[in-house]
């Protein structure tokens, strides 16, 4: 999903230690999809479920990965999608068809015992429902984690929170937040660690990556508006696949040669229903909640245990272990604030 700048713009690997004390605005749809896609039975491709058959992969990922970030001193603010722009309708409909086709292939692969295909098609069939979103918000509330509701695209709102200084960076594996003018992006934040390579039995170490918008523009030798044009030529959520025959490097040459949006778009064969200028304007002026508050919340251990253990059958022993770490972290944080108060 989103634009692909891989191999074109600079990234810098980092460690959790460097991010300690930072507040990251996380694109919730992006990471929850990751959890739903990856936290599955390795043989059947089925997501985790509770005793009532309700999917819990998203809750598992959200709880354990967010807890790990908190343990490492990284604060998070989750940003949820609102209403997508009307011109995204075709993309949404196309994705639904892809998921339906993937689900059919998953069932066939499962019946034929093709394990690797089972995993691949199960992930491609992943679907995030409104119910899952509400469950995620409920979990964040009892964990004491702040979240913000965007009027439209979550990445646009997360980018604004970062640009306005309320958060240090946007946390997402997609690049789109750069098009929405996020000054800093942290990729792989919620998938860092030892990860299995798709279709193979080997593993690779995944580390968080920091991307600075200023460095991107400087290295590419273009303006932010031109970066948006570059993304549009390559392909965004609003014109998937981009302009036929244009890879990232060729698209960059086109942008540098023609410079102005009007000339850039006139120089290529545009086959999408939506005009490129409309997409450009949306990235430059997305709907935003400029008065969004990042409300401070506190862990409610009793409600957290009730939600995960009693309602969704999570292991009480594991949940209790993580909760103790979170409680200790919150105590340390409060003591640190108290110490700072008396010093002043």
Protein backbone atom coordinates (compact mmCIF):
# COMPACT_ATOMS: atom_id res chain seq x y z
CA UNK A 1 0.00 0.00 0.00
CA UNK A 2 1.11 3.57 -0.60
CA UNK A 3 4.03 4.91 -2.58
CA UNK A 4 7.27 2.92 -2.80
CA UNK A 5 10.48 4.91 -2.41
CA UNK A 6 12.60 1.86 -1.54
CA UNK A 7 16.11 2.13 -2.91
CA UNK A 8 15.61 5.76 -3.90
CA UNK A 9 15.79 7.76 -0.71
CA UNK A 10 18.19 7.54 2.27
CA UNK A 11 17.33 5.74 5.50
CA UNK A 12 19.40 5.25 8.64
CA UNK A 13 19.15 2.19 10.86
CA UNK A 14 18.71 2.93 14.54
CA UNK A 15 18.20 1.18 17.87
CA UNK A 16 15.43 1.54 20.44
CA UNK A 17 17.97 3.21 22.72
CA UNK A 18 18.22 6.20 20.37
CA UNK A 19 14.43 6.57 20.40
CA UNK A 20 14.16 6.54 24.21
CA UNK A 21 12.14 9.49 25.48
CA UNK A 22 10.62 10.17 22.06
CA UNK A 23 6.90 10.39 21.29
CA UNK A 24 5.96 8.64 18.03
CA UNK A 25 2.65 9.18 16.18
CA UNK A 26 1.83 5.72 14.87
CA UNK A 27 -0.30 5.15 11.78
CA UNK A 28 -2.67 2.66 13.42
CA UNK A 29 -4.12 1.16 10.23
CA UNK A 30 -0.64 0.38 8.95
CA UNK A 31 0.53 -1.43 12.07
CA UNK A 32 -2.75 -3.22 12.82
CA UNK A 33 -2.75 -4.62 9.28
CA UNK A 34 0.77 -5.85 9.97
CA UNK A 35 -0.38 -7.64 13.11
CA UNK A 36 -3.38 -9.18 11.38
CA UNK A 37 -1.18 -10.33 8.48
CA UNK A 38 1.72 -11.79 10.44
CA UNK A 39 0.28 -13.10 13.69
CA UNK A 40 -1.22 -16.28 12.28
CA UNK A 41 -0.94 -20.04 12.55
CA UNK A 42 2.11 -21.02 10.48
CA UNK A 43 0.37 -24.07 9.02
CA UNK A 44 -3.25 -23.01 8.49
CA UNK A 45 -2.78 -19.28 7.99
CA UNK A 46 -5.62 -18.66 10.44
CA UNK A 47 -5.40 -15.59 12.71
CA UNK A 48 -5.49 -15.98 16.48
CA UNK A 49 -9.02 -16.34 17.85
CA UNK A 50 -10.66 -16.46 21.26
CA UNK A 51 -13.08 -19.13 22.51
CA UNK A 52 -15.96 -17.38 20.72
CA UNK A 53 -14.17 -17.40 17.38
CA UNK A 54 -13.36 -13.68 17.40
CA UNK A 55 -10.08 -12.63 15.79
CA UNK A 56 -7.51 -11.44 18.35
CA UNK A 57 -4.28 -11.17 16.31
CA UNK A 58 -4.59 -7.37 16.24
CA UNK A 59 -5.05 -7.20 20.00
CA UNK A 60 -2.09 -9.49 20.60
CA UNK A 61 0.21 -7.47 18.37
CA UNK A 62 -1.00 -4.15 19.72
CA UNK A 63 -0.57 -5.20 23.36
CA UNK A 64 2.80 -6.91 23.20
CA UNK A 65 4.52 -4.62 20.69
CA UNK A 66 3.29 -1.41 22.31
CA UNK A 67 4.36 -2.77 25.70
CA UNK A 68 7.83 -3.44 24.31
CA UNK A 69 8.08 0.13 23.08
CA UNK A 70 7.01 1.44 26.49
CA UNK A 71 9.55 -0.78 28.22
CA UNK A 72 12.20 0.84 26.02
CA UNK A 73 11.08 4.32 26.99
CA UNK A 74 9.28 5.09 23.73
CA UNK A 75 5.89 6.77 24.03
CA UNK A 76 3.27 6.26 21.37
CA UNK A 77 0.21 8.08 20.09
CA UNK A 78 -1.91 6.00 17.74
CA UNK A 79 -3.69 7.84 14.94
CA UNK A 80 -6.79 6.28 13.40
CA UNK A 81 -8.16 6.80 9.90
CA UNK A 82 -11.32 8.78 9.36
CA UNK A 83 -13.30 9.05 6.14
CA UNK A 84 -11.13 8.47 3.05
CA UNK A 85 -11.35 10.92 0.14
CA UNK A 86 -14.05 10.04 -2.38
CA UNK A 87 -11.52 9.40 -5.14
CA UNK A 88 -10.04 6.52 -3.10
CA UNK A 89 -13.20 4.50 -3.72
CA UNK A 90 -11.78 2.69 -6.76
CA UNK A 91 -8.68 1.68 -4.83
CA UNK A 92 -10.77 0.38 -1.94
CA UNK A 93 -13.00 -1.64 -4.25
CA UNK A 94 -9.97 -3.09 -6.05
CA UNK A 95 -8.43 -4.14 -2.72
CA UNK A 96 -11.63 -5.90 -1.71
CA UNK A 97 -11.53 -7.93 -4.93
CA UNK A 98 -7.87 -8.80 -4.35
CA UNK A 99 -8.64 -9.98 -0.82
CA UNK A 100 -11.58 -12.08 -2.02
CA UNK A 101 -9.42 -13.73 -4.68
CA UNK A 102 -6.64 -14.32 -2.14
CA UNK A 103 -9.12 -15.95 0.23
CA UNK A 104 -10.19 -18.41 -2.49
CA UNK A 105 -6.54 -19.25 -3.23
CA UNK A 106 -5.84 -19.62 0.50
CA UNK A 107 -8.62 -22.20 0.90
CA UNK A 108 -7.35 -24.12 -2.13
CA UNK A 109 -3.75 -24.07 -0.88
CA UNK A 110 -4.93 -25.21 2.55
CA UNK A 111 -6.83 -28.14 1.04
CA UNK A 112 -3.78 -29.13 -1.01
CA UNK A 113 -1.35 -28.76 1.87
CA UNK A 114 0.83 -26.07 0.23
CA UNK A 115 2.11 -24.49 3.44
CA UNK A 116 4.03 -21.55 1.99
CA UNK A 117 1.13 -20.61 -0.30
CA UNK A 118 -1.21 -20.90 2.67
CA UNK A 119 0.77 -18.23 4.51
CA UNK A 120 1.08 -16.00 1.47
CA UNK A 121 -2.58 -16.01 0.51
CA UNK A 122 -3.78 -15.81 4.11
CA UNK A 123 -1.81 -12.60 4.55
CA UNK A 124 -3.12 -11.19 1.27
CA UNK A 125 -6.69 -11.89 2.44
CA UNK A 126 -6.24 -9.82 5.61
CA UNK A 127 -9.17 -7.55 6.41
CA UNK A 128 -9.41 -4.83 9.04
CA UNK A 129 -13.01 -4.34 10.20
CA UNK A 130 -14.60 -1.38 12.03
CA UNK A 131 -15.15 -3.72 15.00
CA UNK A 132 -11.42 -4.44 15.17
CA UNK A 133 -10.67 -0.73 15.14
CA UNK A 134 -13.01 -0.12 18.07
CA UNK A 135 -11.47 -3.06 19.96
CA UNK A 136 -8.02 -1.58 19.36
CA UNK A 137 -9.12 1.80 20.76
CA UNK A 138 -10.61 0.10 23.81
CA UNK A 139 -7.37 -1.78 24.44
CA UNK A 140 -5.28 1.39 24.12
CA UNK A 141 -7.58 3.16 26.60
CA UNK A 142 -7.08 0.56 29.34
CA UNK A 143 -3.34 0.40 28.59
CA UNK A 144 -3.13 4.14 29.16
CA UNK A 145 -2.03 4.84 25.58
CA UNK A 146 -3.13 8.03 23.82
CA UNK A 147 -4.85 7.92 20.45
CA UNK A 148 -6.20 10.51 18.02
CA UNK A 149 -9.05 10.22 15.54
CA UNK A 150 -8.20 11.73 12.16
CA UNK A 151 -10.95 13.32 10.05
CA UNK A 152 -9.52 11.58 6.97
CA UNK A 153 -6.19 9.83 6.35
CA UNK A 154 -4.39 8.81 9.55
CA UNK A 155 -0.94 9.36 8.03
CA UNK A 156 -1.83 12.95 7.17
CA UNK A 157 -2.89 13.61 10.76
CA UNK A 158 0.20 11.87 12.14
CA UNK A 159 2.37 13.98 9.84
CA UNK A 160 0.68 17.14 11.13
CA UNK A 161 1.22 16.14 14.77
CA UNK A 162 4.91 15.73 14.01
CA UNK A 163 5.22 18.90 11.92
CA UNK A 164 3.54 20.88 14.71
CA UNK A 165 5.93 19.49 17.33
CA UNK A 166 3.42 17.43 19.29
CA UNK A 167 5.24 14.22 18.35
CA UNK A 168 8.84 13.55 17.32
CA UNK A 169 8.16 11.36 14.29
CA UNK A 170 5.56 9.35 12.41
CA UNK A 171 5.78 5.59 12.90
CA UNK A 172 4.80 3.70 9.73
CA UNK A 173 6.23 1.23 7.25
CA UNK A 174 4.68 3.25 4.41
CA UNK A 175 6.38 6.31 2.92
CA UNK A 176 3.23 8.37 2.42
CA UNK A 177 3.70 10.47 5.54
CA UNK A 178 6.63 12.16 3.78
CA UNK A 179 4.24 13.27 1.04
CA UNK A 180 2.01 14.70 3.79
CA UNK A 181 5.05 16.73 4.92
CA UNK A 182 6.12 14.75 8.00
CA UNK A 183 9.59 16.04 8.90
CA UNK A 184 10.63 12.65 10.25
CA UNK A 185 9.56 9.05 9.69
CA UNK A 186 10.48 5.94 11.67
CA UNK A 187 9.97 2.74 9.69
CA UNK A 188 9.85 -0.84 11.03
CA UNK A 189 9.13 0.40 14.55
CA UNK A 190 6.56 -2.29 15.34
CA UNK A 191 8.12 -5.11 13.30
CA UNK A 192 11.73 -4.81 14.45
CA UNK A 193 13.50 -7.95 15.62
CA UNK A 194 14.10 -11.36 14.10
CA UNK A 195 11.72 -11.92 11.20
CA UNK A 196 11.15 -14.85 8.86
CA UNK A 197 11.73 -14.17 5.17
CA UNK A 198 8.60 -14.61 3.04
CA UNK A 199 8.49 -18.08 1.47
CA UNK A 200 11.70 -19.22 3.16
CA UNK A 201 12.85 -20.90 6.34
CA UNK A 202 15.61 -18.34 6.93
CA UNK A 203 15.39 -15.27 9.14
CA UNK A 204 16.61 -11.69 8.97
CA UNK A 205 17.18 -9.02 11.60
CA UNK A 206 14.88 -6.02 11.08
CA UNK A 207 15.83 -2.73 12.71
CA UNK A 208 13.97 0.57 12.93
CA UNK A 209 14.96 3.10 10.27
CA UNK A 210 14.89 6.88 10.56
CA UNK A 211 14.06 8.94 7.48
CA UNK A 212 14.54 12.72 7.63
CA UNK A 213 12.51 14.67 5.08
CA UNK A 214 15.15 17.39 4.90
CA UNK A 215 17.82 14.82 4.01
CA UNK A 216 15.56 13.19 1.43
CA UNK A 217 14.94 16.46 -0.41
CA UNK A 218 18.60 17.43 -0.23
CA UNK A 219 19.86 14.09 -1.58
CA UNK A 220 17.29 13.95 -4.37
CA UNK A 221 17.77 17.63 -5.20
CA UNK A 222 14.05 18.41 -5.34
CA UNK A 223 11.42 20.40 -3.42
CA UNK A 224 8.66 18.89 -1.30
CA UNK A 225 6.09 19.62 -4.00
CA UNK A 226 8.30 17.79 -6.49
CA UNK A 227 8.58 14.87 -4.06
CA UNK A 228 4.78 14.61 -4.10
CA UNK A 229 4.84 14.66 -7.91
CA UNK A 230 7.49 11.93 -7.83
CA UNK A 231 5.28 9.83 -5.56
CA UNK A 232 2.30 10.32 -7.86
CA UNK A 233 4.31 9.20 -10.90
CA UNK A 234 5.49 6.09 -9.02
CA UNK A 235 2.02 5.37 -7.65
CA UNK A 236 0.05 6.23 -4.50
CA UNK A 237 -3.04 4.84 -2.80
CA UNK A 238 -5.03 7.10 -5.13
CA UNK A 239 -3.40 5.97 -8.38
CA UNK A 240 -2.01 2.48 -7.65
CA UNK A 241 0.83 1.35 -9.90
CA UNK A 242 1.60 4.87 -11.06
CA UNK A 243 2.44 5.82 -14.63
CA UNK A 244 3.09 2.76 -16.78
CA UNK A 245 6.77 2.23 -17.57
CA UNK A 246 8.08 4.68 -14.98
CA UNK A 247 10.22 3.21 -12.21
CA UNK A 248 11.45 5.36 -9.31
CA UNK A 249 14.72 6.43 -10.97
CA UNK A 250 13.10 7.29 -14.30
CA UNK A 251 10.30 9.15 -12.51
CA UNK A 252 12.90 11.21 -10.64
CA UNK A 253 14.52 12.18 -13.96
CA UNK A 254 11.13 13.32 -15.28
CA UNK A 255 10.52 15.44 -12.18
CA UNK A 256 13.96 17.06 -12.34
CA UNK A 257 13.67 17.73 -16.05
CA UNK A 258 10.22 19.33 -16.03
CA UNK A 259 10.26 20.80 -12.50
CA UNK A 260 6.74 22.32 -12.41
CA UNK A 261 3.74 20.03 -11.62
CA UNK A 262 1.84 21.08 -14.76
CA UNK A 263 4.79 20.29 -17.02
CA UNK A 264 5.61 17.07 -15.15
CA UNK A 265 2.10 15.67 -15.54
CA UNK A 266 1.78 16.77 -19.17
CA UNK A 267 4.99 14.91 -20.02
CA UNK A 268 3.56 11.48 -19.13
CA UNK A 269 0.67 9.34 -20.34
CA UNK A 270 -1.94 9.60 -17.59
CA UNK A 271 -4.55 6.80 -17.62
CA UNK A 272 -6.31 7.26 -14.30
CA UNK A 273 -9.83 8.63 -13.79
CA UNK A 274 -8.60 11.13 -11.21
CA UNK A 275 -6.49 14.09 -12.30
CA UNK A 276 -2.94 14.16 -10.89
CA UNK A 277 -3.48 17.75 -9.77
CA UNK A 278 -6.30 16.57 -7.47
CA UNK A 279 -3.98 14.06 -5.81
CA UNK A 280 -1.25 16.69 -5.49
CA UNK A 281 -3.67 19.11 -3.81
CA UNK A 282 -4.86 16.42 -1.40
CA UNK A 283 -1.32 15.67 -0.22
CA UNK A 284 -0.67 19.41 0.21
CA UNK A 285 -4.02 20.22 1.87
CA UNK A 286 -5.50 17.10 3.51
CA UNK A 287 -8.40 17.34 6.00
CA UNK A 288 -6.85 17.70 9.47
CA UNK A 289 -7.90 18.12 13.07
CA UNK A 290 -5.50 20.92 13.95
CA UNK A 291 -6.71 21.15 17.55
CA UNK A 292 -6.29 17.45 18.25
CA UNK A 293 -5.31 16.84 21.88
CA UNK A 294 -2.94 14.11 22.98
CA UNK A 295 -4.70 13.21 26.20
CA UNK A 296 -2.62 11.76 29.03
CA UNK A 297 -3.99 8.44 30.22
CA UNK A 298 -3.09 5.88 32.84
CA UNK A 299 -2.87 2.11 32.87
CA UNK A 300 -5.96 0.41 34.33
CA UNK A 301 -4.61 -3.04 35.21
CA UNK A 302 -7.97 -4.40 36.33
CA UNK A 303 -9.78 -3.42 33.12
CA UNK A 304 -6.85 -4.56 31.00
CA UNK A 305 -6.90 -8.00 32.57
CA UNK A 306 -10.67 -8.23 32.19
CA UNK A 307 -10.48 -7.31 28.50
CA UNK A 308 -7.67 -9.61 27.47
CA UNK A 309 -7.89 -12.51 29.90
CA UNK A 310 -11.59 -12.70 30.75
CA UNK A 311 -13.10 -11.56 27.46
CA UNK A 312 -10.53 -12.81 24.93
CA UNK A 313 -8.80 -15.75 26.67
CA UNK A 314 -5.25 -14.40 26.68
CA UNK A 315 -2.79 -16.16 28.99
CA UNK A 316 -3.23 -14.66 32.44
CA UNK A 317 0.38 -15.44 33.34
CA UNK A 318 1.80 -13.62 30.30
CA UNK A 319 -0.54 -10.64 30.63
CA UNK A 320 0.24 -10.29 34.35
CA UNK A 321 3.97 -10.41 33.64
CA UNK A 322 3.74 -7.63 31.06
CA UNK A 323 1.39 -5.55 33.23
CA UNK A 324 3.89 -5.59 36.10
CA UNK A 325 6.55 -4.21 33.78
CA UNK A 326 4.15 -1.49 32.59
CA UNK A 327 3.18 -0.60 36.17
CA UNK A 328 6.83 -0.34 37.20
CA UNK A 329 7.54 1.80 34.16
CA UNK A 330 4.70 4.16 35.06
CA UNK A 331 5.94 4.39 38.67
CA UNK A 332 9.47 5.21 37.48
CA UNK A 333 8.06 7.85 35.18
CA UNK A 334 6.01 9.48 37.95
CA UNK A 335 8.96 9.41 40.37
CA UNK A 336 11.14 11.03 37.72
CA UNK A 337 8.60 13.82 37.27
CA UNK A 338 8.33 14.26 41.06
CA UNK A 339 12.11 14.48 41.36
CA UNK A 340 12.24 17.11 38.63
CA UNK A 341 9.53 19.10 40.47
CA UNK A 342 11.51 19.27 43.75
CA UNK A 343 14.74 20.14 41.93
CA UNK A 344 12.98 23.13 40.45
